[in-house]
Protein backbone atom coordinates (compact mmCIF):
# COMPACT_ATOMS: atom_id res chain seq x y z
CA MET A 1 37.12 227.49 68.93
CA ALA A 2 34.00 225.52 68.14
CA PRO A 3 35.33 223.93 64.91
CA ASN A 4 38.55 222.94 66.63
CA LYS A 5 36.59 221.39 69.49
CA THR A 6 34.46 219.47 67.04
CA LYS A 7 37.50 218.12 65.29
CA LYS A 8 38.99 217.02 68.59
CA ASN A 9 35.78 215.20 69.50
CA LYS A 10 35.76 213.46 66.13
CA ASN A 11 39.34 212.40 66.58
CA LYS A 12 38.59 211.04 70.05
CA LYS A 13 35.50 209.19 68.81
CA GLY A 14 37.50 207.68 65.96
CA ARG A 15 39.89 206.01 68.39
CA TYR A 16 37.13 204.01 70.13
CA GLY A 17 35.36 200.91 68.95
CA VAL A 18 32.40 199.07 70.47
CA ALA A 19 34.66 197.11 72.84
CA GLU A 20 36.42 200.26 74.04
CA ILE A 21 33.10 202.03 74.60
CA LYS A 22 31.87 199.05 76.61
CA THR A 23 35.04 199.17 78.72
CA LEU A 24 34.52 202.88 79.38
CA GLY A 25 30.98 202.19 80.55
CA ASN A 26 31.98 199.34 82.82
CA ASP A 27 34.70 201.46 84.41
CA LEU A 28 32.26 204.32 84.97
CA LEU A 29 29.76 202.05 86.67
CA SER A 30 32.36 200.29 88.80
CA SER A 31 34.03 203.29 90.44
CA ALA A 32 33.38 207.01 90.90
CA SER A 33 37.04 207.65 90.20
CA ASN A 34 36.32 207.02 86.53
CA ILE A 35 33.84 209.86 86.32
CA ASN A 36 35.84 211.42 83.49
CA ASN A 37 34.51 208.63 81.25
CA LEU A 38 31.08 210.30 81.42
CA PRO A 39 31.87 213.15 78.94
CA LEU A 40 33.53 210.62 76.63
CA LEU A 41 30.41 208.45 76.54
CA LEU A 42 28.19 211.49 75.96
CA ASN A 43 30.13 212.25 72.77
CA PHE A 44 28.77 209.08 71.20
CA VAL A 45 25.10 209.98 71.78
CA THR A 46 24.69 212.02 68.60
CA PRO A 47 22.68 211.54 65.38
CA SER A 48 25.90 211.09 63.41
CA SER A 49 27.29 208.28 65.59
CA PRO A 50 27.16 204.70 64.29
CA PRO A 51 24.16 202.83 65.74
CA HIS A 52 26.25 200.26 67.63
CA HIS A 53 28.39 202.95 69.24
CA LEU A 54 25.33 204.99 70.18
CA LEU A 55 23.45 202.07 71.71
CA GLU A 56 26.46 200.79 73.68
CA SER A 57 27.15 204.24 75.11
CA LEU A 58 23.47 204.81 75.89
CA LEU A 59 23.24 201.54 77.77
CA SER A 60 26.04 202.60 80.12
CA LEU A 61 24.70 206.14 80.58
CA HIS A 62 21.22 204.84 81.34
CA SER A 63 22.58 202.50 84.03
CA PHE A 64 24.68 205.30 85.50
CA PHE A 65 22.08 208.07 85.70
CA LEU A 66 18.95 206.08 86.60
CA PRO A 67 19.76 205.53 90.33
CA LEU A 68 21.20 209.05 90.70
CA LEU A 69 18.29 211.06 89.26
CA PRO A 70 16.19 211.33 92.47
CA THR A 71 19.18 212.87 94.31
CA LEU A 72 20.24 215.38 91.66
CA PRO A 73 19.31 219.05 92.25
CA SER A 74 16.57 220.63 90.18
CA PHE A 75 16.96 223.65 87.91
CA SER A 76 15.99 226.60 90.12
CA SER A 77 17.30 225.15 93.39
CA ARG A 78 20.95 225.14 92.32
CA ALA A 79 21.81 228.73 93.20
CA ALA A 80 19.71 228.79 96.40
CA ASP A 81 21.15 225.55 97.71
CA ALA A 82 24.70 226.50 96.81
CA LYS A 83 24.73 229.44 99.20
CA GLY A 84 23.53 227.57 102.27
CA SER A 85 25.05 224.21 101.53
CA GLU A 86 27.44 222.83 104.11
CA HIS A 87 28.79 220.32 101.68
CA HIS A 88 29.61 222.77 98.93
CA SER A 89 31.83 220.43 96.98
CA HIS A 90 29.24 217.66 97.04
CA PHE A 91 26.63 220.04 95.72
CA ILE A 92 28.91 221.22 92.92
CA TYR A 93 29.49 217.60 91.94
CA ASN A 94 25.76 216.88 91.82
CA ALA A 95 25.13 220.09 89.88
CA TRP A 96 27.75 219.01 87.35
CA LEU A 97 26.07 215.63 87.04
CA ARG A 98 22.78 217.41 86.50
CA SER A 99 24.25 219.46 83.67
CA LYS A 100 25.59 216.29 82.05
CA PHE A 101 22.17 214.69 82.38
CA ASP A 102 20.62 217.70 80.67
CA GLU A 103 23.14 217.30 77.85
CA LEU A 104 22.14 213.66 77.55
CA VAL A 105 18.45 214.52 77.33
CA LYS A 106 19.18 217.12 74.66
CA SER A 107 21.21 214.61 72.66
CA LEU A 108 18.46 211.99 72.95
CA LEU A 109 15.90 214.44 71.59
CA GLU A 110 18.18 215.24 68.66
CA VAL A 111 18.56 211.54 67.89
CA LEU A 112 14.81 210.99 68.05
CA VAL A 113 13.87 213.67 65.50
CA SER A 114 16.85 213.31 63.17
CA PRO A 115 16.50 211.24 59.98
CA ARG A 116 18.91 208.35 59.50
CA GLN A 117 19.88 206.79 56.21
CA GLN A 118 18.78 203.19 56.81
CA GLN A 119 15.17 202.67 57.81
CA GLU A 120 15.70 199.54 59.90
CA GLU A 121 18.53 201.09 61.92
CA GLN A 122 16.52 204.26 62.38
CA GLU A 123 13.52 202.45 63.85
CA ALA A 124 15.61 200.26 66.14
CA VAL A 125 17.67 203.17 67.49
CA LYS A 126 14.65 205.41 67.99
CA GLU A 127 12.78 202.74 69.91
CA VAL A 128 15.66 202.26 72.35
CA VAL A 129 16.13 206.02 72.73
CA LEU A 130 12.41 206.53 73.36
CA ASP A 131 12.36 203.82 76.03
CA THR A 132 15.36 205.41 77.74
CA LEU A 133 13.81 208.86 77.66
CA MET A 134 10.53 207.61 79.11
CA GLU A 135 12.43 205.89 81.91
CA PHE A 136 13.97 209.25 82.77
CA VAL A 137 10.50 210.83 82.69
CA LYS A 138 9.33 208.20 85.12
CA VAL A 139 12.02 208.57 87.83
CA ALA A 140 13.82 211.89 87.25
CA ASN A 141 11.42 213.89 89.40
CA GLY A 142 11.62 211.95 92.61
CA GLY A 143 9.29 209.21 91.41
CA ARG A 144 6.78 211.63 89.99
CA PHE A 145 6.07 212.27 86.31
CA HIS A 146 8.74 214.63 84.98
CA SER A 147 6.50 216.86 82.90
CA ALA A 148 9.33 219.21 81.84
CA ILE A 149 11.33 216.49 80.05
CA TYR A 150 8.16 215.13 78.48
CA HIS A 151 7.14 218.61 77.30
CA ARG A 152 10.55 219.05 75.65
CA PHE A 153 10.06 215.67 73.99
CA LEU A 154 6.67 216.64 72.52
CA HIS A 155 8.06 220.04 71.52
CA SER A 156 10.78 218.27 69.52
CA ILE A 157 8.18 216.06 67.83
CA VAL A 158 5.91 218.96 66.89
CA TYR A 159 8.72 221.12 65.48
CA SER A 160 10.57 218.27 63.81
CA GLU A 161 11.49 218.80 60.15
CA SER A 162 11.48 215.06 59.44
CA SER A 163 8.63 212.58 59.56
CA VAL A 164 7.37 211.81 63.06
CA GLU A 165 4.78 209.17 62.17
CA PHE A 166 6.87 206.23 63.36
CA LEU A 167 7.75 207.99 66.60
CA VAL A 168 4.16 208.97 67.39
CA ASP A 169 2.89 205.51 66.48
CA LEU A 170 5.48 203.98 68.79
CA LEU A 171 4.48 206.34 71.59
CA THR A 172 0.83 205.44 71.00
CA ALA A 173 1.41 201.70 71.05
CA LYS A 174 3.64 201.57 74.14
CA TYR A 175 2.76 204.52 76.38
CA PHE A 176 -0.63 206.03 75.60
CA LYS A 177 -2.27 203.23 77.55
CA TYR A 178 -1.06 204.97 80.74
CA ILE A 179 -3.46 207.62 81.95
CA ASP A 180 -0.78 210.01 83.24
CA VAL A 181 1.06 209.94 79.89
CA ARG A 182 -2.16 210.86 78.09
CA TYR A 183 -2.88 213.54 80.68
CA PHE A 184 0.42 215.36 80.27
CA THR A 185 0.33 214.83 76.50
CA LEU A 186 -2.91 216.80 76.30
CA ILE A 187 -1.50 219.52 78.56
CA SER A 188 1.63 219.91 76.44
CA LEU A 189 -0.27 219.91 73.15
CA LYS A 190 -2.57 222.60 74.46
CA LYS A 191 0.41 224.77 75.38
CA LEU A 192 2.09 224.18 72.03
CA ALA A 193 -1.09 225.04 70.11
CA THR A 194 -1.66 228.16 72.21
CA THR A 195 1.93 229.30 71.64
CA LEU A 196 1.61 228.75 67.90
CA GLU A 197 -1.68 230.64 67.84
CA GLY A 198 -0.01 233.58 69.57
CA LYS A 199 2.74 233.61 66.96
CA ASP A 200 0.18 233.66 64.15
CA GLN A 201 -1.69 236.56 65.72
CA SER A 202 1.54 238.51 66.22
CA GLU A 203 2.23 238.13 62.50
CA ASP A 204 -1.10 239.89 61.73
CA LYS A 205 -2.85 236.81 60.49
CA SER A 206 -6.61 236.45 60.48
CA GLU A 207 -7.95 235.29 63.82
CA ASN A 208 -11.32 234.17 62.46
CA ALA A 209 -9.96 232.01 59.66
CA ASP A 210 -10.38 228.35 60.57
CA VAL A 211 -9.01 227.16 57.25
CA ALA A 212 -6.08 228.75 55.48
CA ASP A 213 -4.76 228.47 51.96
CA ALA A 214 -1.35 227.04 51.33
CA SER A 215 -0.13 230.51 50.32
CA GLN A 216 -1.22 231.99 53.65
CA LEU A 217 0.73 229.49 55.77
CA SER A 218 4.47 229.10 55.77
CA SER A 219 5.79 225.61 55.20
CA SER A 220 7.13 225.41 58.76
CA THR A 221 3.81 226.45 60.33
CA GLU A 222 1.90 224.01 58.16
CA ARG A 223 4.27 221.21 59.14
CA VAL A 224 3.87 222.03 62.84
CA ILE A 225 0.06 221.95 62.54
CA HIS A 226 0.24 218.60 60.77
CA ASN A 227 2.44 217.19 63.54
CA ILE A 228 0.14 218.51 66.28
CA TYR A 229 -2.89 216.97 64.60
CA TYR A 230 -1.16 213.65 64.03
CA THR A 231 -0.28 213.49 67.72
CA ILE A 232 -3.53 214.74 69.25
CA SER A 233 -5.66 212.52 67.02
CA ARG A 234 -3.93 209.45 68.43
CA VAL A 235 -4.44 210.28 72.09
CA PRO A 236 -7.25 207.96 73.17
CA PRO A 237 -9.98 209.68 75.21
CA PHE A 238 -10.73 208.53 78.70
CA GLU A 239 -13.66 206.14 78.96
CA ASN A 240 -15.60 206.05 82.21
CA SER A 241 -15.55 202.38 83.17
CA ASP A 242 -14.95 200.15 86.15
CA ASN A 243 -11.94 198.56 84.48
CA THR A 244 -8.87 199.25 86.63
CA SER A 245 -6.54 198.86 83.65
CA ASP A 246 -7.78 202.22 82.37
CA LEU A 247 -6.25 203.83 85.48
CA GLU A 248 -2.81 202.32 85.01
CA MET A 249 -0.07 204.92 85.47
CA TRP A 250 3.44 205.06 84.03
CA SER A 251 4.99 207.00 86.94
CA ARG A 252 3.73 204.64 89.65
CA SER A 253 6.41 203.31 91.99
CA GLU A 254 7.05 199.60 92.17
CA ASN A 255 6.95 199.63 95.98
CA GLU A 256 3.70 201.54 96.32
CA HIS A 257 0.42 200.77 94.68
CA LYS A 258 -0.46 204.44 94.30
CA GLN A 259 2.45 206.72 93.61
CA PRO A 260 1.95 210.44 92.95
CA CYS A 261 2.69 211.47 89.39
CA GLY A 262 2.70 215.26 89.47
CA ASP A 263 1.30 218.45 90.87
CA VAL A 264 -2.34 219.42 90.79
CA ASN A 265 -1.29 222.60 89.01
CA ALA A 266 1.16 220.83 86.74
CA ASP A 267 -0.71 222.02 83.68
CA ASP A 268 0.03 225.62 84.65
CA LYS A 269 3.65 225.10 85.72
CA GLN A 270 4.75 222.00 83.92
CA VAL A 271 7.98 223.49 82.62
CA LYS A 272 9.01 224.16 86.26
CA PRO A 273 8.43 220.81 87.99
CA GLU A 274 10.26 221.88 91.13
CA LYS A 275 7.31 223.99 92.30
CA HIS A 276 5.16 221.12 93.54
CA ASP A 277 2.62 221.37 96.29
CA ASN A 278 2.05 218.65 98.82
CA SER A 279 -1.17 217.73 97.04
CA VAL A 280 -0.60 215.25 94.23
CA LEU A 281 -2.60 213.70 91.43
CA PHE A 282 -3.59 210.11 91.81
CA ALA A 283 -5.16 208.09 89.06
CA ALA A 284 -8.67 208.91 90.22
CA LYS A 285 -7.93 212.64 90.22
CA ILE A 286 -6.46 212.45 86.76
CA ALA A 287 -9.52 210.56 85.53
CA LYS A 288 -11.76 213.40 86.70
CA LYS A 289 -9.71 215.97 84.82
CA MET A 290 -9.09 213.98 81.64
CA LYS A 291 -12.25 215.16 79.89
CA LEU A 292 -11.46 218.79 80.69
CA LYS A 293 -7.88 218.49 79.41
CA PHE A 294 -9.11 216.67 76.31
CA THR A 295 -11.54 219.53 75.62
CA GLN A 296 -8.96 222.26 76.19
CA ALA A 297 -6.39 220.59 73.94
CA TRP A 298 -8.82 220.17 71.03
CA LEU A 299 -10.26 223.67 71.34
CA SER A 300 -6.75 225.14 71.32
CA PHE A 301 -5.92 223.12 68.22
CA LEU A 302 -9.12 224.10 66.37
CA ARG A 303 -8.29 227.80 66.83
CA LEU A 304 -5.24 227.39 64.59
CA PRO A 305 -5.40 228.27 60.86
CA LEU A 306 -5.69 224.67 59.69
CA PRO A 307 -4.48 223.62 56.23
CA LEU A 308 -7.27 222.44 53.96
CA ASP A 309 -6.38 218.74 54.11
CA VAL A 310 -6.21 218.78 57.92
CA TYR A 311 -9.40 220.84 58.07
CA LYS A 312 -11.36 218.30 56.02
CA GLU A 313 -10.02 215.35 58.00
CA VAL A 314 -10.96 217.03 61.28
CA LEU A 315 -14.53 217.67 60.09
CA VAL A 316 -14.94 214.09 58.91
CA ASN A 317 -13.91 212.57 62.27
CA LEU A 318 -15.10 215.24 64.68
CA HIS A 319 -18.58 213.84 65.36
CA GLN A 320 -17.26 210.36 66.19
CA VAL A 321 -13.84 210.90 67.78
CA VAL A 322 -14.08 214.25 69.57
CA ILE A 323 -17.64 215.39 70.34
CA PRO A 324 -18.70 212.40 72.52
CA HIS A 325 -15.69 212.96 74.82
CA LEU A 326 -15.85 216.74 75.33
CA SER A 327 -16.89 218.24 78.63
CA ASN A 328 -19.19 220.69 76.83
CA PRO A 329 -19.61 219.92 73.09
CA VAL A 330 -21.58 223.14 72.50
CA MET A 331 -18.23 224.97 72.73
CA LEU A 332 -17.62 223.77 69.15
CA CYS A 333 -20.61 225.73 67.84
CA ASP A 334 -18.54 228.69 66.59
CA PHE A 335 -16.10 226.45 64.74
CA LEU A 336 -18.85 224.35 63.17
CA THR A 337 -21.14 227.22 62.19
CA ARG A 338 -18.25 229.00 60.48
CA SER A 339 -17.40 225.78 58.69
CA TYR A 340 -21.03 225.27 57.67
CA ASP A 341 -21.20 228.81 56.27
CA ILE A 342 -18.19 228.24 53.98
CA GLY A 343 -20.27 226.21 51.54
CA GLY A 344 -19.39 223.39 49.20
CA VAL A 345 -17.72 220.23 50.40
CA VAL A 346 -16.67 221.80 53.71
CA SER A 347 -20.31 222.46 54.61
CA VAL A 348 -21.23 218.88 53.77
CA MET A 349 -18.53 217.54 56.10
CA ALA A 350 -19.49 219.96 58.90
CA LEU A 351 -23.14 218.91 58.70
CA SER A 352 -22.68 215.70 60.72
CA SER A 353 -21.21 217.41 63.78
CA LEU A 354 -23.60 220.35 63.60
CA PHE A 355 -26.58 218.00 63.38
CA ILE A 356 -25.42 216.19 66.54
CA LEU A 357 -25.10 219.47 68.45
CA MET A 358 -28.60 220.52 67.37
CA THR A 359 -30.35 217.22 68.11
CA GLN A 360 -28.47 216.04 71.20
CA TYR A 361 -27.12 219.17 72.90
CA GLY A 362 -29.81 221.76 72.20
CA LEU A 363 -27.85 224.04 69.86
CA GLU A 364 -30.03 226.58 68.05
CA TYR A 365 -28.97 227.58 64.54
CA PRO A 366 -31.68 229.71 62.89
CA ASN A 367 -30.33 229.56 59.31
CA PHE A 368 -29.70 225.83 59.30
CA TYR A 369 -32.33 224.87 56.70
CA GLU A 370 -31.50 227.84 54.46
CA LYS A 371 -27.87 226.70 54.31
CA LEU A 372 -28.94 223.09 53.79
CA TYR A 373 -31.20 224.17 50.92
CA VAL A 374 -28.30 225.89 49.16
CA LEU A 375 -26.20 222.70 49.31
CA LEU A 376 -28.61 220.92 46.94
CA VAL A 377 -26.66 221.30 43.70
CA PRO A 378 -25.74 218.71 41.02
CA SER A 379 -22.11 218.58 42.18
CA ILE A 380 -23.14 217.14 45.55
CA PHE A 381 -23.92 213.84 43.80
CA MET A 382 -20.23 213.47 42.94
CA ALA A 383 -18.91 214.37 46.42
CA LYS A 384 -16.87 211.84 48.36
CA HIS A 385 -19.08 212.00 51.46
CA ARG A 386 -22.43 212.14 49.67
CA ALA A 387 -23.73 209.00 51.38
CA ARG A 388 -23.53 210.57 54.84
CA PHE A 389 -24.96 213.83 53.51
CA PHE A 390 -28.09 212.22 52.07
CA GLN A 391 -28.73 210.26 55.24
CA LEU A 392 -28.47 213.44 57.31
CA LEU A 393 -30.67 215.28 54.83
CA ASP A 394 -33.34 212.65 55.27
CA SER A 395 -33.04 212.92 59.07
CA CYS A 396 -33.25 216.72 58.96
CA LEU A 397 -36.50 216.56 56.98
CA LYS A 398 -38.07 213.95 59.23
CA SER A 399 -39.65 216.28 61.79
CA PRO A 400 -43.44 216.70 61.37
CA LEU A 401 -43.09 220.25 62.71
CA LEU A 402 -41.47 221.50 59.50
CA PRO A 403 -43.62 224.15 57.79
CA ALA A 404 -45.29 223.13 54.56
CA TYR A 405 -43.46 225.69 52.42
CA LEU A 406 -40.10 224.34 53.62
CA ALA A 407 -40.93 220.71 52.88
CA ALA A 408 -42.36 221.75 49.48
CA SER A 409 -39.22 223.74 48.63
CA PHE A 410 -36.94 220.78 49.34
CA ALA A 411 -39.17 218.36 47.44
CA LYS A 412 -39.44 220.68 44.43
CA LYS A 413 -35.73 221.49 44.25
CA MET A 414 -34.83 217.82 44.48
CA SER A 415 -37.33 216.97 41.75
CA ARG A 416 -35.74 219.63 39.53
CA LEU A 417 -32.36 218.00 40.13
CA LEU A 418 -33.77 214.80 38.63
CA LEU A 419 -33.34 216.35 35.19
CA SER A 420 -29.56 216.81 35.46
CA ILE A 421 -28.09 214.11 37.70
CA PRO A 422 -26.83 210.58 37.01
CA PRO A 423 -29.09 207.54 37.56
CA SER A 424 -27.57 206.79 40.97
CA GLY A 425 -28.52 210.28 42.12
CA ALA A 426 -32.02 209.91 40.67
CA LEU A 427 -32.58 206.86 42.85
CA VAL A 428 -31.65 208.60 46.11
CA ILE A 429 -33.64 211.72 45.14
CA THR A 430 -36.70 209.60 44.43
CA ALA A 431 -36.34 207.97 47.84
CA LEU A 432 -36.06 211.38 49.54
CA ILE A 433 -39.11 212.76 47.74
CA HIS A 434 -41.05 209.61 48.63
CA ASN A 435 -40.28 210.10 52.34
CA ILE A 436 -41.09 213.83 52.27
CA LEU A 437 -44.47 213.29 50.65
CA ARG A 438 -45.32 210.54 53.15
CA ARG A 439 -44.29 212.61 56.20
CA HIS A 440 -45.98 215.84 55.08
CA PRO A 441 -49.44 215.14 53.63
CA SER A 442 -50.09 218.89 53.29
CA ILE A 443 -47.85 219.08 50.20
CA ASN A 444 -49.31 216.11 48.34
CA CYS A 445 -51.12 218.60 46.12
CA LEU A 446 -47.77 218.99 44.34
CA VAL A 447 -48.02 215.47 42.94
CA HIS A 448 -50.79 216.48 40.53
CA ARG A 449 -52.04 220.03 40.06
CA GLU A 450 -54.42 221.50 37.51
CA ASP A 451 -53.85 225.20 37.78
CA GLN A 452 -57.37 226.34 38.61
CA VAL A 453 -59.04 223.12 39.71
CA ASP A 454 -56.50 222.07 42.31
CA GLU A 455 -55.45 225.56 43.35
CA GLY A 456 -58.18 225.70 45.97
CA LYS A 457 -57.22 222.37 47.50
CA CYS A 458 -53.85 223.73 48.59
CA ASP A 459 -55.05 227.09 49.84
CA LYS A 460 -54.87 225.96 53.42
CA ALA A 461 -51.32 224.63 52.99
CA THR A 462 -50.15 227.66 51.06
CA ASP A 463 -51.31 230.22 53.62
CA GLU A 464 -48.04 229.79 55.49
CA ALA A 465 -45.98 230.08 52.34
CA THR A 466 -47.96 233.11 51.18
CA ALA A 467 -47.30 234.87 54.48
CA ALA A 468 -43.59 234.07 54.24
CA ASN A 469 -43.20 235.20 50.64
CA SER A 470 -42.69 238.80 49.65
CA ASP A 471 -44.62 240.83 47.09
CA ASP A 472 -44.36 238.05 44.53
CA ALA A 473 -46.74 235.95 46.59
CA LYS A 474 -49.45 238.58 46.26
CA VAL A 475 -49.55 238.34 42.50
CA SER A 476 -52.42 236.20 41.23
CA ALA A 477 -51.65 232.90 39.59
CA SER A 478 -51.09 232.98 35.88
CA GLN A 479 -53.99 231.83 33.76
CA LYS A 480 -51.69 230.21 31.21
CA LEU A 481 -51.20 226.49 31.36
CA GLY A 482 -47.67 225.09 31.67
CA ILE A 483 -46.22 227.93 33.75
CA ASP A 484 -43.96 226.74 36.60
CA HIS A 485 -43.84 229.37 39.35
CA PHE A 486 -40.90 227.73 41.13
CA ASN A 487 -37.74 229.83 41.22
CA TYR A 488 -34.84 227.38 41.10
CA GLY A 489 -32.16 230.03 41.54
CA GLU A 490 -33.67 231.50 44.72
CA PRO A 491 -31.45 230.58 47.72
CA ASN A 492 -34.20 231.30 50.26
CA PRO A 493 -36.79 228.48 50.40
CA LYS A 494 -39.42 230.95 51.67
CA LYS A 495 -39.29 232.83 48.37
CA SER A 496 -39.04 229.90 46.00
CA ASN A 497 -42.83 229.69 45.32
CA ALA A 498 -42.66 225.91 45.56
CA MET A 499 -46.23 225.64 46.86
CA ARG A 500 -47.52 227.17 43.63
CA SER A 501 -45.70 224.60 41.51
CA SER A 502 -45.94 220.85 40.98
CA LEU A 503 -43.61 217.88 40.83
CA TRP A 504 -43.91 217.51 37.06
CA GLU A 505 -40.25 216.44 36.85
CA VAL A 506 -41.11 213.17 38.58
CA ASP A 507 -43.32 212.23 35.65
CA THR A 508 -40.39 212.54 33.27
CA ILE A 509 -38.34 209.85 35.00
CA LEU A 510 -41.13 207.34 34.44
CA GLN A 511 -39.64 207.15 30.95
CA HIS A 512 -36.04 207.25 32.20
CA TYR A 513 -33.49 205.41 30.09
CA CYS A 514 -32.22 203.54 33.15
CA PRO A 515 -34.71 200.76 34.09
CA PRO A 516 -34.09 200.85 37.89
CA VAL A 517 -34.91 204.57 37.96
CA SER A 518 -38.16 204.23 36.04
CA ARG A 519 -39.22 201.21 38.11
CA PHE A 520 -38.51 202.95 41.40
CA ALA A 521 -40.33 206.10 40.29
CA LEU A 522 -43.56 204.10 40.05
CA SER A 523 -43.70 204.09 43.87
CA LEU A 524 -44.58 207.80 43.77
CA GLU A 525 -47.82 207.01 41.96
CA ASN A 526 -49.21 205.43 45.13
CA ASP A 527 -51.29 207.44 47.56
CA LEU A 528 -48.61 208.21 50.15
CA THR A 529 -51.07 209.90 52.47
CA VAL A 530 -52.34 206.46 53.51
CA ARG A 531 -49.59 205.70 55.98
CA ALA A 532 -50.94 202.26 56.88
CA LYS A 533 -50.37 200.99 53.33
CA THR A 534 -46.99 202.63 52.73
CA SER A 535 -43.66 202.71 54.49
CA GLU A 536 -40.61 204.96 54.43
CA VAL A 537 -37.74 204.13 52.14
CA ASN A 538 -34.30 203.59 53.66
CA VAL A 539 -32.18 206.28 52.00
CA GLY A 540 -29.00 204.48 53.05
CA ASP A 541 -29.75 201.76 50.51
CA PHE A 542 -29.34 204.27 47.67
CA SER A 543 -27.08 206.99 49.10
CA SER A 544 -23.79 205.41 48.04
CA GLY A 545 -24.96 204.26 44.60
CA SER A 546 -23.01 204.65 41.38
CA TYR A 547 -23.02 203.33 37.82
CA ALA A 548 -21.15 200.26 39.04
CA THR A 549 -23.75 199.40 41.68
CA ILE A 550 -26.61 199.88 39.20
CA ILE A 551 -24.97 197.65 36.58
CA GLY A 552 -24.15 195.05 39.22
CA ALA A 553 -27.75 194.99 40.42
CA GLU A 554 -29.04 194.60 36.86
CA MET A 555 -26.58 191.79 36.14
CA SER A 556 -27.69 189.85 39.20
CA ARG A 557 -31.43 190.47 38.73
CA ARG A 558 -33.53 187.56 37.50
CA VAL A 559 -35.66 188.33 34.45
CA LYS A 560 -38.74 186.42 33.36
CA GLN A 561 -38.10 186.68 29.61
CA VAL A 562 -34.61 186.69 28.16
CA PRO A 563 -34.11 188.80 25.00
CA LEU A 564 -33.18 186.56 22.05
CA ALA A 565 -30.64 187.18 19.29
CA PHE A 566 -32.77 185.56 16.53
CA TYR A 567 -36.33 185.82 15.18
CA LYS A 568 -38.89 183.29 16.27
CA SER A 569 -40.55 183.59 12.83
CA THR A 570 -39.13 184.88 9.56
CA PRO A 571 -40.17 188.52 9.04
CA SER A 572 -42.02 189.34 5.83
CA THR A 573 -41.53 193.11 5.90
CA LEU A 574 -38.88 195.50 7.09
CA PHE A 575 -41.45 197.58 8.99
CA SER A 576 -44.81 196.60 10.38
CA ASP A 577 -48.01 198.43 9.48
CA ALA A 578 -48.27 199.75 13.02
CA ASP A 579 -44.95 201.61 12.70
CA PHE A 580 -46.25 203.86 9.91
CA ALA A 581 -49.96 204.45 10.02
CA GLY A 582 -51.47 204.81 6.54
CA TRP A 583 -48.58 203.14 4.77
CA THR A 584 -48.42 199.59 3.42
CA PHE A 585 -45.36 197.55 2.65
CA ASP A 586 -46.33 194.64 0.28
CA PHE A 587 -43.82 191.95 -0.53
CA LYS A 588 -43.32 191.16 -4.24
CA ASP A 589 -41.39 188.32 -5.80
CA THR A 590 -37.95 189.32 -6.97
CA SER A 591 -38.38 187.58 -10.36
CA GLU A 592 -41.51 189.58 -11.13
CA ILE A 593 -39.76 192.80 -10.26
CA MET A 594 -36.79 191.91 -12.46
CA HIS A 595 -39.06 190.81 -15.38
CA GLY A 596 -41.00 194.06 -15.21
CA SER A 597 -37.82 196.08 -15.25
CA ASP A 598 -36.55 194.19 -18.35
CA GLU A 599 -39.74 194.95 -20.31
CA ASN A 600 -39.51 198.60 -19.48
CA ALA A 601 -35.90 198.65 -20.65
CA ASP A 602 -36.88 197.10 -24.06
CA LYS A 603 -39.57 199.69 -24.59
CA ASP A 604 -37.12 202.47 -23.87
CA ASP A 605 -34.67 201.05 -26.42
CA GLN A 606 -37.37 200.88 -29.11
CA ASN A 607 -38.48 204.44 -28.54
CA SER A 608 -34.89 205.68 -28.71
CA GLY A 609 -34.40 203.84 -32.08
CA LYS A 610 -37.47 205.50 -33.54
CA ARG A 611 -36.20 208.93 -32.52
CA GLN A 612 -32.89 208.27 -34.26
CA ARG A 613 -34.62 207.30 -37.57
CA VAL A 614 -36.73 210.42 -37.52
CA VAL A 615 -33.63 212.52 -37.20
């Protein structure tokens, strides 16, 4: 029966043009006797309908339903009201209108998430459909925000198989400025994320995995997570200000300045909007709960098994977009510590947010410096977010309360990296070592150490390191010169023996092939313990360096003496006497050399003639 019904609908739709559809709409609006035109107009609100037919039919349906919505019965009240209704026929009529309105909403959602062939027509149709749907959200619940329709709308966006970027951007530009729209958006996204999380757990997926491989996630689940993130990342957080425009509400009535928009418990029963208490949410009440709803929505989203690209983008923006607006940012500690323990690029991106929680919100993370020490590898100098990492590394090592062995371990490992990193990395490492030596005078013995002479000068500073080290620290220092006791491969800075070593690698870059590196390394020859005569180096000036920045700086630098392409005086020898000690290179006239060679040749000819005669 369904295919035959579809064919009949297509045949009916084929008989109507834009003028006929307009006539049907005008007749429906003019008299209730033409109510049978309503199903006909609904047939044109489909993704397959031509845009002009769809828009003309939608215009008539919007004008017809908008004044009737406050009087239509709700979902659960139909059966209860039907039994005790004195006007049974009137109720049946209104219930039928309600069912047709539900069909219209379903058709509008299908149009919104369906791809159309022509981009311009698609955007124009979707904008009109979105405006119509939001008008229904505004008035369909007796003047209050219809959270059920809006939840169905967001559900369609999240589970859409086509691109939703244009739709979400349009929603952001036109409706996210209203505080009640943002409020119910966060509530719906929290429910959608929680439902998706429950599905993942029922499929025996790992609950502790914050990031999942592409093989672990189905394409549909990955698409849903992408859509949730794209939507939630565009919901602007509520800013506490005296500006009344921030409290503007979409569901406010035109006759009243303050119109209720929903139930206080709408977040718990938003799919059943009929169960409203007498207490309602005004703009001020919503403002008080916005931070809580913002926190709940983001925490529910971060519990999902995020794809790697979404996971990295979240970590990059978390410390700026999310953390300042949470009700209790410390609730992110589990997510961030797990991210920091992953290692590699993920740990680098999680460092910013974790550092904010530690410095501003009192989070205690005992293994923070051990994990930070492990991140110092040559590949970090090629990472995309290396500039932020080096600035945070400098901030983490700024505290004067750091133990000497820890500061020495970082300084020594960074100096070892000088031997294997590009010139741009050597500049930032030199700046970091400069700041460490200036902040921690107790490790300045590493700048120059003579094994037995200077060993006693650092005894006081090495007591802490000796107590922290294991049995290796009890072994006496080797009597052989040139032995470096530092263990580069040791992941624990307490056991690296950095205090028994020296920063001999810094001396090698004084002869670095790149002039900016060798020039900058000269700053380490100053006595950095005299704080009045020295100053810290701004690591940010070098953290984003590359070969291009170094070459650009050299090209723009003024030089006192320009290298010339010709000799100021004609050279007399190929090499100077200073190049080869003990050797002399005398210049002889070419004619004398040739004359001497001719005489030698004549003598050889004569001697050969005599030998022939003897034979």
